[in-house]
Amino acid sequence: MKHALIYGIVFLSLTSLAFAQDLQKVPLDEIWKTKIQDLAPKKPTFESSGKKRVLIFSLHTGFEHWVIPHTEEMLRIIGQKSGAFEMISSKDIKEFEAANLENYDALILNNTCSKPDHRNLFWDKLTEESDKDSVTLMKKALQLEKNLIDFVSAGGGLMVLHGGITTQNSSTEFGELIGGSFDYHPPQQTLRVYLQDATHPLVQAFPKTGFEHVDEPYFYKNAYNKGDFKPLLYFKNSEIQSLRNGQADPPERTYVAWIRPEGKGKVFYASPSHNAQSFENPKLLQFYLDGLQYVVGDVDCDETPIGPGS
């Protein structure tokens, strides 16, 4: 009886941990920064074509992920330690003016979550800062979005991390640029992340058997169903707990990360991570750095899209 009680307590404790909405927040202090500095790759995986300027854009108007400043710091560390990147941080939407985008080789959307009503980050910020009429402000918001899409099509790189996929989540054009739109996520839990193709150069950081990861399992809609991207990582839906009620017969794989070319540019999406603890995995740091090299054109790799229904 005592053993049964003990096992029951342990089971409930593990269940509580697996479904916690957040892991415990990590202080963004010098101790943590030093740890990431030590874990970060010493040099790029691929030959660098020259030092590139990268904008880390971390504005949010909707849900605030506590990991935003940690993600920004992690990106700054891996970029600068590698010697291949100059990392610049901003939360100013003026960076998306066409003339300002010319200052960068690549952009990173760091958990740039928008408000649920319009799902348009630019609209959210413009309406906070101006009392102009809604038609004028929406026209401006759409222009900033177009500037971003044009930037990538002309040869710029775009990395989108975790909640950054919701930046313009109601926009068909933005969704097609990224490869999908955010749909929902079950509660945070421990995931087994698998490699779609263990021979692909962008997943060489990981063991061929994949890795364990605590996160929100993101699900997608709209352009995602076209499969117009090359998957890198996935989880098995049969291993995910608390799928949306009524979700009938979901496909076995939901992709965790992918790449796609857009015109002359490159897009890299990765849903990790909701938690700063994830960045203490040096293999994940290597993956992000390799993704940065991909979006600036340093990686020659297979970009063949998976196609619909795959």
C-alpha atoms as a PDB file:
ATOM      1  CA  MET A   1       0.000   0.000   0.000  1.00  0.00           C
ATOM      2  CA  LYS A   2       2.818   2.373   0.918  1.00  0.00           C
ATOM      3  CA  HIS A   3       4.661   1.562  -2.307  1.00  0.00           C
ATOM      4  CA  ALA A   4       1.503   2.231  -4.352  1.00  0.00           C
ATOM      5  CA  LEU A   5       1.087   5.575  -2.609  1.00  0.00           C
ATOM      6  CA  ILE A   6       4.696   6.535  -3.272  1.00  0.00           C
ATOM      7  CA  TYR A   7       4.443   5.559  -6.945  1.00  0.00           C
ATOM      8  CA  GLY A   8       1.229   7.541  -7.227  1.00  0.00           C
ATOM      9  CA  ILE A   9       2.890  10.646  -5.796  1.00  0.00           C
ATOM     10  CA  VAL A  10       5.850  10.266  -8.160  1.00  0.00           C
ATOM     11  CA  PHE A  11       3.523   9.823 -11.147  1.00  0.00           C
ATOM     12  CA  LEU A  12       1.523  12.917 -10.258  1.00  0.00           C
ATOM     13  CA  SER A  13       4.718  14.918  -9.797  1.00  0.00           C
ATOM     14  CA  LEU A  14       6.022  13.893 -13.208  1.00  0.00           C
ATOM     15  CA  THR A  15       2.666  14.604 -14.828  1.00  0.00           C
ATOM     16  CA  SER A  16       2.599  18.041 -13.223  1.00  0.00           C
ATOM     17  CA  LEU A  17       6.093  18.764 -14.551  1.00  0.00           C
ATOM     18  CA  ALA A  18       5.274  17.543 -18.059  1.00  0.00           C
ATOM     19  CA  PHE A  19       2.230  19.791 -18.310  1.00  0.00           C
ATOM     20  CA  ALA A  20       3.554  22.887 -16.527  1.00  0.00           C
ATOM     21  CA  GLN A  21       2.724  25.978 -18.549  1.00  0.00           C
ATOM     22  CA  ASP A  22       6.276  27.195 -18.013  1.00  0.00           C
ATOM     23  CA  LEU A  23       9.461  25.814 -16.621  1.00  0.00           C
ATOM     24  CA  GLN A  24      10.860  27.961 -13.835  1.00  0.00           C
ATOM     25  CA  LYS A  25      12.095  31.285 -15.190  1.00  0.00           C
ATOM     26  CA  VAL A  26      15.847  31.565 -15.505  1.00  0.00           C
ATOM     27  CA  PRO A  27      17.498  34.812 -14.382  1.00  0.00           C
ATOM     28  CA  LEU A  28      19.161  36.599 -17.284  1.00  0.00           C
ATOM     29  CA  ASP A  29      22.339  37.267 -15.345  1.00  0.00           C
ATOM     30  CA  GLU A  30      26.068  37.037 -15.975  1.00  0.00           C
ATOM     31  CA  ILE A  31      26.126  33.449 -14.720  1.00  0.00           C
ATOM     32  CA  TRP A  32      23.620  32.362 -17.391  1.00  0.00           C
ATOM     33  CA  LYS A  33      25.293  34.442 -20.112  1.00  0.00           C
ATOM     34  CA  THR A  34      28.670  32.924 -19.284  1.00  0.00           C
ATOM     35  CA  LYS A  35      27.184  29.435 -19.436  1.00  0.00           C
ATOM     36  CA  ILE A  36      25.777  30.072 -22.931  1.00  0.00           C
ATOM     37  CA  GLN A  37      29.052  31.687 -24.006  1.00  0.00           C
ATOM     38  CA  ASP A  38      30.922  28.537 -22.952  1.00  0.00           C
ATOM     39  CA  LEU A  39      28.414  26.206 -24.654  1.00  0.00           C
ATOM     40  CA  ALA A  40      28.194  28.147 -27.936  1.00  0.00           C
ATOM     41  CA  PRO A  41      30.076  26.815 -30.975  1.00  0.00           C
ATOM     42  CA  LYS A  42      33.590  28.162 -31.354  1.00  0.00           C
ATOM     43  CA  LYS A  43      33.337  28.530 -35.102  1.00  0.00           C
ATOM     44  CA  PRO A  44      30.834  28.147 -37.959  1.00  0.00           C
ATOM     45  CA  THR A  45      30.091  24.669 -39.274  1.00  0.00           C
ATOM     46  CA  PHE A  46      30.195  25.819 -42.897  1.00  0.00           C
ATOM     47  CA  GLU A  47      32.659  28.072 -44.656  1.00  0.00           C
ATOM     48  CA  SER A  48      31.596  31.674 -44.138  1.00  0.00           C
ATOM     49  CA  SER A  49      31.141  33.941 -47.142  1.00  0.00           C
ATOM     50  CA  GLY A  50      32.026  36.973 -45.026  1.00  0.00           C
ATOM     51  CA  LYS A  51      30.761  38.669 -41.897  1.00  0.00           C
ATOM     52  CA  LYS A  52      27.025  39.332 -42.181  1.00  0.00           C
ATOM     53  CA  ARG A  53      24.840  41.909 -40.425  1.00  0.00           C
ATOM     54  CA  VAL A  54      21.822  40.356 -38.730  1.00  0.00           C
ATOM     55  CA  LEU A  55      18.915  42.154 -37.071  1.00  0.00           C
ATOM     56  CA  ILE A  56      17.400  40.421 -34.034  1.00  0.00           C
ATOM     57  CA  PHE A  57      13.886  41.856 -33.855  1.00  0.00           C
ATOM     58  CA  SER A  58      12.213  41.194 -30.505  1.00  0.00           C
ATOM     59  CA  LEU A  59       9.083  43.344 -30.362  1.00  0.00           C
ATOM     60  CA  HIS A  60       5.900  41.708 -29.123  1.00  0.00           C
ATOM     61  CA  THR A  61       2.437  43.231 -28.846  1.00  0.00           C
ATOM     62  CA  GLY A  62       0.584  40.053 -27.913  1.00  0.00           C
ATOM     63  CA  PHE A  63       1.680  37.164 -25.710  1.00  0.00           C
ATOM     64  CA  GLU A  64       4.964  37.873 -23.923  1.00  0.00           C
ATOM     65  CA  HIS A  65       7.255  34.864 -23.848  1.00  0.00           C
ATOM     66  CA  TRP A  66       9.541  35.203 -20.849  1.00  0.00           C
ATOM     67  CA  VAL A  67      12.318  33.720 -22.974  1.00  0.00           C
ATOM     68  CA  ILE A  68      12.461  36.700 -25.380  1.00  0.00           C
ATOM     69  CA  PRO A  69      15.473  38.444 -23.782  1.00  0.00           C
ATOM     70  CA  HIS A  70      17.242  35.111 -23.281  1.00  0.00           C
ATOM     71  CA  THR A  71      16.714  34.235 -26.944  1.00  0.00           C
ATOM     72  CA  GLU A  72      18.068  37.622 -27.994  1.00  0.00           C
ATOM     73  CA  GLU A  73      21.148  37.164 -25.815  1.00  0.00           C
ATOM     74  CA  MET A  74      21.681  33.598 -27.030  1.00  0.00           C
ATOM     75  CA  LEU A  75      21.548  34.725 -30.655  1.00  0.00           C
ATOM     76  CA  ARG A  76      23.943  37.575 -29.985  1.00  0.00           C
ATOM     77  CA  ILE A  77      26.392  35.179 -28.333  1.00  0.00           C
ATOM     78  CA  ILE A  78      26.351  32.455 -30.989  1.00  0.00           C
ATOM     79  CA  GLY A  79      26.562  34.981 -33.816  1.00  0.00           C
ATOM     80  CA  GLN A  80      29.421  37.017 -32.414  1.00  0.00           C
ATOM     81  CA  LYS A  81      31.399  34.108 -30.949  1.00  0.00           C
ATOM     82  CA  SER A  82      31.401  32.424 -34.359  1.00  0.00           C
ATOM     83  CA  GLY A  83      32.978  35.513 -35.900  1.00  0.00           C
ATOM     84  CA  ALA A  84      30.636  35.168 -38.881  1.00  0.00           C
ATOM     85  CA  PHE A  85      27.951  37.654 -37.801  1.00  0.00           C
ATOM     86  CA  GLU A  86      27.443  41.145 -36.496  1.00  0.00           C
ATOM     87  CA  MET A  87      24.279  41.033 -34.398  1.00  0.00           C
ATOM     88  CA  ILE A  88      22.078  44.121 -33.960  1.00  0.00           C
ATOM     89  CA  SER A  89      19.007  44.203 -31.700  1.00  0.00           C
ATOM     90  CA  SER A  90      15.870  46.323 -32.094  1.00  0.00           C
ATOM     91  CA  LYS A  91      12.178  46.581 -31.249  1.00  0.00           C
ATOM     92  CA  ASP A  92      11.533  49.495 -33.624  1.00  0.00           C
ATOM     93  CA  ILE A  93       9.226  48.732 -36.575  1.00  0.00           C
ATOM     94  CA  LYS A  94      10.985  51.480 -38.529  1.00  0.00           C
ATOM     95  CA  GLU A  95      13.602  48.821 -39.223  1.00  0.00           C
ATOM     96  CA  PHE A  96      11.091  47.419 -41.729  1.00  0.00           C
ATOM     97  CA  GLU A  97      11.205  50.523 -43.879  1.00  0.00           C
ATOM     98  CA  ALA A  98      12.706  49.432 -47.193  1.00  0.00           C
ATOM     99  CA  ALA A  99      15.730  51.713 -46.850  1.00  0.00           C
ATOM    100  CA  ASN A 100      16.532  50.375 -43.391  1.00  0.00           C
ATOM    101  CA  LEU A 101      16.222  46.732 -44.426  1.00  0.00           C
ATOM    102  CA  GLU A 102      19.046  47.370 -46.867  1.00  0.00           C
ATOM    103  CA  ASN A 103      21.377  47.594 -43.861  1.00  0.00           C
ATOM    104  CA  TYR A 104      21.004  43.886 -43.106  1.00  0.00           C
ATOM    105  CA  ASP A 105      21.810  40.542 -44.668  1.00  0.00           C
ATOM    106  CA  ALA A 106      19.253  38.715 -42.528  1.00  0.00           C
ATOM    107  CA  LEU A 107      16.491  39.265 -39.963  1.00  0.00           C
ATOM    108  CA  ILE A 108      15.430  37.175 -36.985  1.00  0.00           C
ATOM    109  CA  LEU A 109      11.855  37.364 -35.671  1.00  0.00           C
ATOM    110  CA  ASN A 110      12.271  36.510 -31.999  1.00  0.00           C
ATOM    111  CA  ASN A 111       8.887  35.558 -30.526  1.00  0.00           C
ATOM    112  CA  THR A 112       7.286  38.568 -32.169  1.00  0.00           C
ATOM    113  CA  CYS A 113       3.772  37.626 -31.129  1.00  0.00           C
ATOM    114  CA  SER A 114       0.945  39.880 -32.281  1.00  0.00           C
ATOM    115  CA  LYS A 115      -2.407  40.557 -30.624  1.00  0.00           C
ATOM    116  CA  PRO A 116      -5.192  38.047 -31.345  1.00  0.00           C
ATOM    117  CA  ASP A 117      -7.671  40.576 -32.784  1.00  0.00           C
ATOM    118  CA  HIS A 118      -5.800  41.355 -36.024  1.00  0.00           C
ATOM    119  CA  ARG A 119      -2.716  39.146 -35.745  1.00  0.00           C
ATOM    120  CA  ASN A 120      -0.735  41.956 -37.329  1.00  0.00           C
ATOM    121  CA  LEU A 121       2.279  43.175 -35.350  1.00  0.00           C
ATOM    122  CA  PHE A 122       2.763  46.273 -37.477  1.00  0.00           C
ATOM    123  CA  TRP A 123      -0.874  47.322 -37.123  1.00  0.00           C
ATOM    124  CA  ASP A 124      -0.695  46.774 -33.359  1.00  0.00           C
ATOM    125  CA  LYS A 125       2.316  49.041 -32.963  1.00  0.00           C
ATOM    126  CA  LEU A 126       1.152  51.708 -35.398  1.00  0.00           C
ATOM    127  CA  THR A 127      -2.183  52.069 -33.618  1.00  0.00           C
ATOM    128  CA  GLU A 128      -0.350  52.437 -30.299  1.00  0.00           C
ATOM    129  CA  GLU A 129       1.821  55.241 -31.644  1.00  0.00           C
ATOM    130  CA  SER A 130      -0.542  57.180 -33.941  1.00  0.00           C
ATOM    131  CA  ASP A 131      -4.067  58.606 -33.961  1.00  0.00           C
ATOM    132  CA  LYS A 132      -4.313  58.509 -37.752  1.00  0.00           C
ATOM    133  CA  ASP A 133      -7.364  56.867 -39.280  1.00  0.00           C
ATOM    134  CA  SER A 134      -7.486  53.077 -39.483  1.00  0.00           C
ATOM    135  CA  VAL A 135      -7.338  52.969 -43.285  1.00  0.00           C
ATOM    136  CA  THR A 136      -4.074  54.915 -43.328  1.00  0.00           C
ATOM    137  CA  LEU A 137      -2.565  52.821 -40.565  1.00  0.00           C
ATOM    138  CA  MET A 138      -3.531  49.507 -42.137  1.00  0.00           C
ATOM    139  CA  LYS A 139      -2.082  50.649 -45.452  1.00  0.00           C
ATOM    140  CA  LYS A 140       1.179  51.396 -43.664  1.00  0.00           C
ATOM    141  CA  ALA A 141       1.120  48.045 -41.833  1.00  0.00           C
ATOM    142  CA  LEU A 142       0.643  46.192 -45.111  1.00  0.00           C
ATOM    143  CA  GLN A 143       3.503  48.158 -46.670  1.00  0.00           C
ATOM    144  CA  LEU A 144       5.887  47.149 -43.859  1.00  0.00           C
ATOM    145  CA  GLU A 145       4.864  43.527 -44.327  1.00  0.00           C
ATOM    146  CA  LYS A 146       5.461  43.797 -48.066  1.00  0.00           C
ATOM    147  CA  ASN A 147       8.868  45.331 -47.406  1.00  0.00           C
ATOM    148  CA  LEU A 148       9.800  42.254 -45.382  1.00  0.00           C
ATOM    149  CA  ILE A 149       8.598  39.863 -48.082  1.00  0.00           C
ATOM    150  CA  ASP A 150      10.397  41.864 -50.788  1.00  0.00           C
ATOM    151  CA  PHE A 151      13.570  41.872 -48.675  1.00  0.00           C
ATOM    152  CA  VAL A 152      13.616  38.080 -48.597  1.00  0.00           C
ATOM    153  CA  SER A 153      12.653  37.679 -52.255  1.00  0.00           C
ATOM    154  CA  ALA A 154      15.529  39.961 -53.251  1.00  0.00           C
ATOM    155  CA  GLY A 155      18.065  37.784 -51.429  1.00  0.00           C
ATOM    156  CA  GLY A 156      17.718  38.523 -47.715  1.00  0.00           C
ATOM    157  CA  GLY A 157      17.603  35.871 -45.041  1.00  0.00           C
ATOM    158  CA  LEU A 158      14.816  35.329 -42.518  1.00  0.00           C
ATOM    159  CA  MET A 159      14.951  33.229 -39.358  1.00  0.00           C
ATOM    160  CA  VAL A 160      11.707  32.866 -37.391  1.00  0.00           C
ATOM    161  CA  LEU A 161      11.792  31.434 -33.874  1.00  0.00           C
ATOM    162  CA  HIS A 162       8.939  29.980 -31.824  1.00  0.00           C
ATOM    163  CA  GLY A 163       6.107  32.545 -31.534  1.00  0.00           C
ATOM    164  CA  GLY A 164       7.566  34.655 -34.347  1.00  0.00           C
ATOM    165  CA  ILE A 165       5.331  32.706 -36.709  1.00  0.00           C
ATOM    166  CA  THR A 166       2.346  34.694 -35.342  1.00  0.00           C
ATOM    167  CA  THR A 167       3.824  38.071 -36.361  1.00  0.00           C
ATOM    168  CA  GLN A 168       1.344  38.421 -39.243  1.00  0.00           C
ATOM    169  CA  ASN A 169      -0.639  35.265 -38.586  1.00  0.00           C
ATOM    170  CA  SER A 170      -3.755  36.370 -40.524  1.00  0.00           C
ATOM    171  CA  SER A 171      -1.758  37.251 -43.623  1.00  0.00           C
ATOM    172  CA  THR A 172      -1.811  34.752 -46.488  1.00  0.00           C
ATOM    173  CA  GLU A 173       1.352  36.280 -47.946  1.00  0.00           C
ATOM    174  CA  PHE A 174       3.288  36.133 -44.693  1.00  0.00           C
ATOM    175  CA  GLY A 175       2.123  32.565 -44.050  1.00  0.00           C
ATOM    176  CA  GLU A 176       3.326  31.493 -47.480  1.00  0.00           C
ATOM    177  CA  LEU A 177       6.670  33.197 -46.860  1.00  0.00           C
ATOM    178  CA  ILE A 178       7.180  31.306 -43.605  1.00  0.00           C
ATOM    179  CA  GLY A 179       5.616  28.050 -44.795  1.00  0.00           C
ATOM    180  CA  GLY A 180       2.595  28.087 -42.494  1.00  0.00           C
ATOM    181  CA  SER A 181       0.558  29.885 -39.850  1.00  0.00           C
ATOM    182  CA  PHE A 182       0.218  29.098 -36.158  1.00  0.00           C
ATOM    183  CA  ASP A 183      -2.910  27.116 -35.242  1.00  0.00           C
ATOM    184  CA  TYR A 184      -2.657  26.069 -31.581  1.00  0.00           C
ATOM    185  CA  HIS A 185      -0.549  24.209 -29.055  1.00  0.00           C
ATOM    186  CA  PRO A 186      -1.379  21.702 -26.318  1.00  0.00           C
ATOM    187  CA  PRO A 187       0.090  22.259 -22.841  1.00  0.00           C
ATOM    188  CA  GLN A 188       3.839  22.259 -22.508  1.00  0.00           C
ATOM    189  CA  GLN A 189       5.303  18.766 -22.205  1.00  0.00           C
ATOM    190  CA  THR A 190       8.347  16.622 -22.836  1.00  0.00           C
ATOM    191  CA  LEU A 191       8.714  15.846 -26.555  1.00  0.00           C
ATOM    192  CA  ARG A 192      10.823  13.444 -28.502  1.00  0.00           C
ATOM    193  CA  VAL A 193      12.134  15.399 -31.491  1.00  0.00           C
ATOM    194  CA  TYR A 194      13.103  13.331 -34.529  1.00  0.00           C
ATOM    195  CA  LEU A 195      15.260  14.108 -37.560  1.00  0.00           C
ATOM    196  CA  GLN A 196      13.405  14.077 -40.872  1.00  0.00           C
ATOM    197  CA  ASP A 197      16.591  13.201 -42.753  1.00  0.00           C
ATOM    198  CA  ALA A 198      19.606  12.406 -40.592  1.00  0.00           C
ATOM    199  CA  THR A 199      21.943  13.037 -43.553  1.00  0.00           C
ATOM    200  CA  HIS A 200      20.811  16.630 -44.087  1.00  0.00           C
ATOM    201  CA  PRO A 201      23.649  19.067 -43.285  1.00  0.00           C
ATOM    202  CA  LEU A 202      21.432  21.324 -41.163  1.00  0.00           C
ATOM    203  CA  VAL A 203      20.677  18.603 -38.593  1.00  0.00           C
ATOM    204  CA  GLN A 204      24.198  17.260 -38.178  1.00  0.00           C
ATOM    205  CA  ALA A 205      24.374  18.802 -34.695  1.00  0.00           C
ATOM    206  CA  PHE A 206      21.911  16.230 -33.352  1.00  0.00           C
ATOM    207  CA  PRO A 207      22.177  12.482 -32.702  1.00  0.00           C
ATOM    208  CA  LYS A 208      20.529  10.472 -35.469  1.00  0.00           C
ATOM    209  CA  THR A 209      18.017   9.183 -32.931  1.00  0.00           C
ATOM    210  CA  GLY A 210      16.814  12.716 -32.123  1.00  0.00           C
ATOM    211  CA  PHE A 211      16.607  14.327 -28.699  1.00  0.00           C
ATOM    212  CA  GLU A 212      14.335  15.027 -25.737  1.00  0.00           C
ATOM    213  CA  HIS A 213      12.927  18.531 -25.451  1.00  0.00           C
ATOM    214  CA  VAL A 214      10.456  20.327 -23.170  1.00  0.00           C
ATOM    215  CA  ASP A 215       8.263  22.764 -25.073  1.00  0.00           C
ATOM    216  CA  GLU A 216       4.848  23.698 -26.409  1.00  0.00           C
ATOM    217  CA  PRO A 217       4.132  21.374 -29.346  1.00  0.00           C
ATOM    218  CA  TYR A 218       3.105  23.834 -32.055  1.00  0.00           C
ATOM    219  CA  PHE A 219       0.517  22.901 -34.673  1.00  0.00           C
ATOM    220  CA  TYR A 220       0.000  24.836 -37.907  1.00  0.00           C
ATOM    221  CA  LYS A 221      -2.562  25.691 -40.580  1.00  0.00           C
ATOM    222  CA  ASN A 222      -3.060  27.475 -43.922  1.00  0.00           C
ATOM    223  CA  ALA A 223       0.105  27.418 -46.069  1.00  0.00           C
ATOM    224  CA  TYR A 224       1.530  24.635 -43.880  1.00  0.00           C
ATOM    225  CA  ASN A 225      -0.868  22.197 -45.553  1.00  0.00           C
ATOM    226  CA  LYS A 226       0.819  22.824 -48.910  1.00  0.00           C
ATOM    227  CA  GLY A 227       4.098  21.420 -47.581  1.00  0.00           C
ATOM    228  CA  ASP A 228       6.054  24.069 -49.472  1.00  0.00           C
ATOM    229  CA  PHE A 229       9.150  23.617 -47.316  1.00  0.00           C
ATOM    230  CA  LYS A 230      11.920  21.148 -46.566  1.00  0.00           C
ATOM    231  CA  PRO A 231      11.322  19.630 -43.094  1.00  0.00           C
ATOM    232  CA  LEU A 232      14.256  19.259 -40.726  1.00  0.00           C
ATOM    233  CA  LEU A 233      12.736  18.118 -37.411  1.00  0.00           C
ATOM    234  CA  TYR A 234       9.386  16.660 -36.336  1.00  0.00           C
ATOM    235  CA  PHE A 235       7.488  15.086 -33.468  1.00  0.00           C
ATOM    236  CA  LYS A 236       5.045  12.186 -33.609  1.00  0.00           C
ATOM    237  CA  ASN A 237       1.470  13.252 -32.941  1.00  0.00           C
ATOM    238  CA  SER A 238       0.754   9.874 -31.380  1.00  0.00           C
ATOM    239  CA  GLU A 239       3.244  10.795 -28.648  1.00  0.00           C
ATOM    240  CA  ILE A 240       1.661  14.181 -27.907  1.00  0.00           C
ATOM    241  CA  GLN A 241      -0.802  14.436 -25.046  1.00  0.00           C
ATOM    242  CA  SER A 242      -3.888  16.681 -25.000  1.00  0.00           C
ATOM    243  CA  LEU A 243      -4.358  17.241 -28.708  1.00  0.00           C
ATOM    244  CA  ARG A 244      -7.209  19.604 -29.511  1.00  0.00           C
ATOM    245  CA  ASN A 245     -10.608  18.121 -28.690  1.00  0.00           C
ATOM    246  CA  GLY A 246     -12.249  16.778 -31.799  1.00  0.00           C
ATOM    247  CA  GLN A 247      -9.036  16.675 -33.824  1.00  0.00           C
ATOM    248  CA  ALA A 248      -9.706  13.563 -35.866  1.00  0.00           C
ATOM    249  CA  ASP A 249      -6.989  11.348 -37.251  1.00  0.00           C
ATOM    250  CA  PRO A 250      -4.108  13.869 -37.337  1.00  0.00           C
ATOM    251  CA  PRO A 251      -1.104  12.979 -39.496  1.00  0.00           C
ATOM    252  CA  GLU A 252       1.659  11.164 -37.631  1.00  0.00           C
ATOM    253  CA  ARG A 253       4.238  13.921 -38.096  1.00  0.00           C
ATOM    254  CA  THR A 254       4.106  17.581 -37.184  1.00  0.00           C
ATOM    255  CA  TYR A 255       7.209  19.485 -38.187  1.00  0.00           C
ATOM    256  CA  VAL A 256       9.275  21.304 -35.591  1.00  0.00           C
ATOM    257  CA  ALA A 257      11.657  23.071 -37.972  1.00  0.00           C
ATOM    258  CA  TRP A 258      11.984  23.578 -41.711  1.00  0.00           C
ATOM    259  CA  ILE A 259      13.609  25.642 -44.458  1.00  0.00           C
ATOM    260  CA  ARG A 260      12.452  27.081 -47.742  1.00  0.00           C
ATOM    261  CA  PRO A 261      13.849  29.320 -50.461  1.00  0.00           C
ATOM    262  CA  GLU A 262      11.836  32.417 -51.383  1.00  0.00           C
ATOM    263  CA  GLY A 263      12.972  34.101 -54.591  1.00  0.00           C
ATOM    264  CA  LYS A 264      16.682  34.750 -54.080  1.00  0.00           C
ATOM    265  CA  GLY A 265      16.361  34.544 -50.295  1.00  0.00           C
ATOM    266  CA  LYS A 266      16.111  31.874 -47.618  1.00  0.00           C
ATOM    267  CA  VAL A 267      13.712  31.209 -44.730  1.00  0.00           C
ATOM    268  CA  PHE A 268      14.418  29.082 -41.636  1.00  0.00           C
ATOM    269  CA  TYR A 269      11.683  28.343 -39.102  1.00  0.00           C
ATOM    270  CA  ALA A 270      12.206  26.595 -35.747  1.00  0.00           C
ATOM    271  CA  SER A 271       9.572  26.296 -33.036  1.00  0.00           C
ATOM    272  CA  PRO A 272      12.028  25.720 -30.139  1.00  0.00           C
ATOM    273  CA  SER A 273      11.965  27.214 -27.657  1.00  0.00           C
ATOM    274  CA  HIS A 274       9.518  28.469 -25.048  1.00  0.00           C
ATOM    275  CA  ASN A 275      12.162  28.006 -22.345  1.00  0.00           C
ATOM    276  CA  ALA A 276      15.647  29.385 -21.777  1.00  0.00           C
ATOM    277  CA  GLN A 277      16.662  25.990 -20.372  1.00  0.00           C
ATOM    278  CA  SER A 278      16.645  24.686 -23.954  1.00  0.00           C
ATOM    279  CA  PHE A 279      19.598  26.909 -24.804  1.00  0.00           C
ATOM    280  CA  GLU A 280      21.755  24.938 -22.381  1.00  0.00           C
ATOM    281  CA  ASN A 281      21.758  22.190 -25.024  1.00  0.00           C
ATOM    282  CA  PRO A 282      24.883  22.916 -27.109  1.00  0.00           C
ATOM    283  CA  LYS A 283      23.475  20.867 -29.976  1.00  0.00           C
ATOM    284  CA  LEU A 284      20.527  23.245 -30.238  1.00  0.00           C
ATOM    285  CA  LEU A 285      22.900  26.227 -30.214  1.00  0.00           C
ATOM    286  CA  GLN A 286      24.777  24.632 -33.106  1.00  0.00           C
ATOM    287  CA  PHE A 287      21.475  24.119 -34.941  1.00  0.00           C
ATOM    288  CA  TYR A 288      20.584  27.814 -34.625  1.00  0.00           C
ATOM    289  CA  LEU A 289      24.020  28.880 -35.815  1.00  0.00           C
ATOM    290  CA  ASP A 290      23.771  26.507 -38.777  1.00  0.00           C
ATOM    291  CA  GLY A 291      20.327  27.988 -39.507  1.00  0.00           C
ATOM    292  CA  LEU A 292      21.835  31.464 -39.527  1.00  0.00           C
ATOM    293  CA  GLN A 293      24.428  30.323 -42.013  1.00  0.00           C
ATOM    294  CA  TYR A 294      21.662  28.840 -44.168  1.00  0.00           C
ATOM    295  CA  VAL A 295      19.645  32.061 -44.368  1.00  0.00           C
ATOM    296  CA  VAL A 296      22.702  34.123 -45.393  1.00  0.00           C
ATOM    297  CA  GLY A 297      23.534  31.660 -48.165  1.00  0.00           C
ATOM    298  CA  ASP A 298      26.497  29.792 -46.677  1.00  0.00           C
ATOM    299  CA  VAL A 299      24.876  26.345 -46.863  1.00  0.00           C
ATOM    300  CA  ASP A 300      24.355  24.392 -50.068  1.00  0.00           C
ATOM    301  CA  CYS A 301      21.725  21.800 -49.197  1.00  0.00           C
ATOM    302  CA  ASP A 302      18.588  20.022 -50.354  1.00  0.00           C
ATOM    303  CA  GLU A 303      15.574  22.376 -50.204  1.00  0.00           C
ATOM    304  CA  THR A 304      13.096  20.094 -51.966  1.00  0.00           C
ATOM    305  CA  PRO A 305       9.607  20.742 -50.530  1.00  0.00           C
ATOM    306  CA  ILE A 306       7.793  17.874 -48.851  1.00  0.00           C
ATOM    307  CA  GLY A 307       4.531  18.585 -50.700  1.00  0.00           C
ATOM    308  CA  PRO A 308       0.914  18.445 -49.490  1.00  0.00           C
ATOM    309  CA  GLY A 309      -0.275  15.632 -47.288  1.00  0.00           C
ATOM    310  CA  SER A 310       3.216  14.515 -46.280  1.00  0.00           C
END
